[in-house]
C-alpha atoms as a PDB file:
ATOM      1  CA  UNK A   1     -48.292 197.740-244.371  1.00  0.00           C
ATOM      2  CA  UNK A   2     -50.216 197.515-247.614  1.00  0.00           C
ATOM      3  CA  UNK A   3     -52.688 200.337-248.309  1.00  0.00           C
ATOM      4  CA  UNK A   4     -52.570 201.291-244.630  1.00  0.00           C
ATOM      5  CA  UNK A   5     -53.394 197.765-243.433  1.00  0.00           C
ATOM      6  CA  UNK A   6     -50.930 195.817-241.307  1.00  0.00           C
ATOM      7  CA  UNK A   7     -49.948 192.566-243.035  1.00  0.00           C
ATOM      8  CA  UNK A   8     -47.894 189.826-241.396  1.00  0.00           C
ATOM      9  CA  UNK A   9     -44.689 189.006-243.282  1.00  0.00           C
ATOM     10  CA  UNK A  10     -42.685 185.820-243.068  1.00  0.00           C
ATOM     11  CA  UNK A  11     -39.747 187.072-245.159  1.00  0.00           C
ATOM     12  CA  UNK A  12     -37.112 189.690-244.576  1.00  0.00           C
ATOM     13  CA  UNK A  13     -36.391 192.139-241.803  1.00  0.00           C
ATOM     14  CA  UNK A  14     -38.611 195.129-240.982  1.00  0.00           C
ATOM     15  CA  UNK A  15     -37.458 198.254-242.815  1.00  0.00           C
ATOM     16  CA  UNK A  16     -35.955 200.751-240.391  1.00  0.00           C
ATOM     17  CA  UNK A  17     -35.664 198.201-237.607  1.00  0.00           C
ATOM     18  CA  UNK A  18     -32.497 198.149-235.504  1.00  0.00           C
ATOM     19  CA  UNK A  19     -31.605 194.665-236.728  1.00  0.00           C
ATOM     20  CA  UNK A  20     -31.778 195.560-240.444  1.00  0.00           C
ATOM     21  CA  UNK A  21     -28.396 197.368-240.821  1.00  0.00           C
ATOM     22  CA  UNK A  22     -26.591 194.752-238.735  1.00  0.00           C
ATOM     23  CA  UNK A  23     -27.938 191.860-240.791  1.00  0.00           C
ATOM     24  CA  UNK A  24     -27.192 193.712-244.044  1.00  0.00           C
ATOM     25  CA  UNK A  25     -23.575 194.216-242.953  1.00  0.00           C
ATOM     26  CA  UNK A  26     -23.194 190.551-242.059  1.00  0.00           C
ATOM     27  CA  UNK A  27     -24.875 189.264-245.204  1.00  0.00           C
ATOM     28  CA  UNK A  28     -23.194 191.703-247.604  1.00  0.00           C
ATOM     29  CA  UNK A  29     -19.721 191.030-246.214  1.00  0.00           C
ATOM     30  CA  UNK A  30     -19.336 188.430-248.984  1.00  0.00           C
ATOM     31  CA  UNK A  31     -20.147 191.089-251.601  1.00  0.00           C
ATOM     32  CA  UNK A  32     -17.557 193.410-250.023  1.00  0.00           C
ATOM     33  CA  UNK A  33     -14.911 190.710-250.314  1.00  0.00           C
ATOM     34  CA  UNK A  34     -15.737 190.085-253.990  1.00  0.00           C
ATOM     35  CA  UNK A  35     -15.642 193.793-254.860  1.00  0.00           C
ATOM     36  CA  UNK A  36     -12.285 194.138-253.096  1.00  0.00           C
ATOM     37  CA  UNK A  37     -10.957 191.077-254.943  1.00  0.00           C
ATOM     38  CA  UNK A  38     -12.100 192.616-258.255  1.00  0.00           C
ATOM     39  CA  UNK A  39     -10.291 195.859-257.355  1.00  0.00           C
ATOM     40  CA  UNK A  40     -13.451 197.990-257.312  1.00  0.00           C
ATOM     41  CA  UNK A  41     -13.494 201.212-255.303  1.00  0.00           C
ATOM     42  CA  UNK A  42     -16.696 201.341-253.267  1.00  0.00           C
ATOM     43  CA  UNK A  43     -18.322 202.408-250.046  1.00  0.00           C
ATOM     44  CA  UNK A  44     -21.203 200.650-248.322  1.00  0.00           C
ATOM     45  CA  UNK A  45     -23.305 201.300-245.241  1.00  0.00           C
ATOM     46  CA  UNK A  46     -25.808 198.524-244.481  1.00  0.00           C
ATOM     47  CA  UNK A  47     -27.584 197.936-247.810  1.00  0.00           C
ATOM     48  CA  UNK A  48     -26.641 201.300-249.403  1.00  0.00           C
ATOM     49  CA  UNK A  49     -23.667 201.145-251.743  1.00  0.00           C
ATOM     50  CA  UNK A  50     -21.696 203.393-254.087  1.00  0.00           C
ATOM     51  CA  UNK A  51     -19.288 201.865-256.594  1.00  0.00           C
ATOM     52  CA  UNK A  52     -16.852 204.228-258.295  1.00  0.00           C
ATOM     53  CA  UNK A  53     -15.738 203.979-261.924  1.00  0.00           C
ATOM     54  CA  UNK A  54     -13.644 206.212-264.167  1.00  0.00           C
ATOM     55  CA  UNK A  55     -16.232 206.441-266.939  1.00  0.00           C
ATOM     56  CA  UNK A  56     -19.758 205.422-267.896  1.00  0.00           C
ATOM     57  CA  UNK A  57     -18.684 202.360-269.890  1.00  0.00           C
ATOM     58  CA  UNK A  58     -16.782 200.961-266.901  1.00  0.00           C
ATOM     59  CA  UNK A  59     -19.697 201.830-264.595  1.00  0.00           C
ATOM     60  CA  UNK A  60     -22.114 199.885-266.797  1.00  0.00           C
ATOM     61  CA  UNK A  61     -19.758 196.888-266.797  1.00  0.00           C
ATOM     62  CA  UNK A  62     -19.396 197.069-262.993  1.00  0.00           C
ATOM     63  CA  UNK A  63     -23.161 197.338-262.566  1.00  0.00           C
ATOM     64  CA  UNK A  64     -23.824 194.162-264.564  1.00  0.00           C
ATOM     65  CA  UNK A  65     -21.158 192.226-262.692  1.00  0.00           C
ATOM     66  CA  UNK A  66     -22.294 193.357-259.238  1.00  0.00           C
ATOM     67  CA  UNK A  67     -25.974 192.786-260.083  1.00  0.00           C
ATOM     68  CA  UNK A  68     -25.136 189.222-261.149  1.00  0.00           C
ATOM     69  CA  UNK A  69     -23.316 188.692-257.845  1.00  0.00           C
ATOM     70  CA  UNK A  70     -26.150 190.097-255.720  1.00  0.00           C
ATOM     71  CA  UNK A  71     -29.064 188.498-257.549  1.00  0.00           C
ATOM     72  CA  UNK A  72     -27.313 185.284-258.568  1.00  0.00           C
ATOM     73  CA  UNK A  73     -24.952 184.118-255.852  1.00  0.00           C
ATOM     74  CA  UNK A  74     -26.449 186.032-252.908  1.00  0.00           C
ATOM     75  CA  UNK A  75     -30.121 185.701-253.985  1.00  0.00           C
ATOM     76  CA  UNK A  76     -30.882 189.386-253.302  1.00  0.00           C
ATOM     77  CA  UNK A  77     -33.037 191.718-255.377  1.00  0.00           C
ATOM     78  CA  UNK A  78     -31.518 194.949-256.722  1.00  0.00           C
ATOM     79  CA  UNK A  79     -33.999 197.817-256.457  1.00  0.00           C
ATOM     80  CA  UNK A  80     -33.949 199.216-260.004  1.00  0.00           C
ATOM     81  CA  UNK A  81     -35.870 202.350-258.934  1.00  0.00           C
ATOM     82  CA  UNK A  82     -33.132 203.339-256.473  1.00  0.00           C
ATOM     83  CA  UNK A  83     -30.207 202.193-258.619  1.00  0.00           C
ATOM     84  CA  UNK A  84     -28.535 204.505-261.117  1.00  0.00           C
ATOM     85  CA  UNK A  85     -25.305 205.351-262.863  1.00  0.00           C
ATOM     86  CA  UNK A  86     -24.393 209.018-262.512  1.00  0.00           C
ATOM     87  CA  UNK A  87     -21.556 211.435-261.919  1.00  0.00           C
ATOM     88  CA  UNK A  88     -20.386 211.728-258.345  1.00  0.00           C
ATOM     89  CA  UNK A  89     -21.179 215.449-258.313  1.00  0.00           C
ATOM     90  CA  UNK A  90     -24.844 214.548-258.996  1.00  0.00           C
ATOM     91  CA  UNK A  91     -24.956 211.985-256.182  1.00  0.00           C
ATOM     92  CA  UNK A  92     -26.246 212.183-252.636  1.00  0.00           C
ATOM     93  CA  UNK A  93     -25.320 209.333-250.294  1.00  0.00           C
ATOM     94  CA  UNK A  94     -26.860 209.039-246.852  1.00  0.00           C
ATOM     95  CA  UNK A  95     -27.632 212.756-246.957  1.00  0.00           C
ATOM     96  CA  UNK A  96     -24.183 213.862-248.147  1.00  0.00           C
ATOM     97  CA  UNK A  97     -23.280 215.469-251.470  1.00  0.00           C
ATOM     98  CA  UNK A  98     -19.916 215.268-253.214  1.00  0.00           C
ATOM     99  CA  UNK A  99     -18.052 218.183-254.752  1.00  0.00           C
ATOM    100  CA  UNK A 100     -14.822 218.461-256.704  1.00  0.00           C
ATOM    101  CA  UNK A 101     -12.620 221.337-255.574  1.00  0.00           C
ATOM    102  CA  UNK A 102      -9.609 222.260-257.706  1.00  0.00           C
END
């Protein structure tokens, strides 16, 4: 919908549709394999992904590499508004927060 008006789309999968997570998992399997090959620690559910790094410098390096993979090889668009580098304690993922307990 654009401005409350239904518009026919010939690209992509409807957001929130039951097919969307399944297709994301199939399509992003190649990204999973690359990240594993690179030794990155990550978690992904459908098109939502967290990649873990020890420090900000490493996180920035990982981000550039993964963005090149997604936008270059896989021809996907990274949503810059939803993408960020932050501490795990400041992160919510699929409704869950993360806490460090000593």
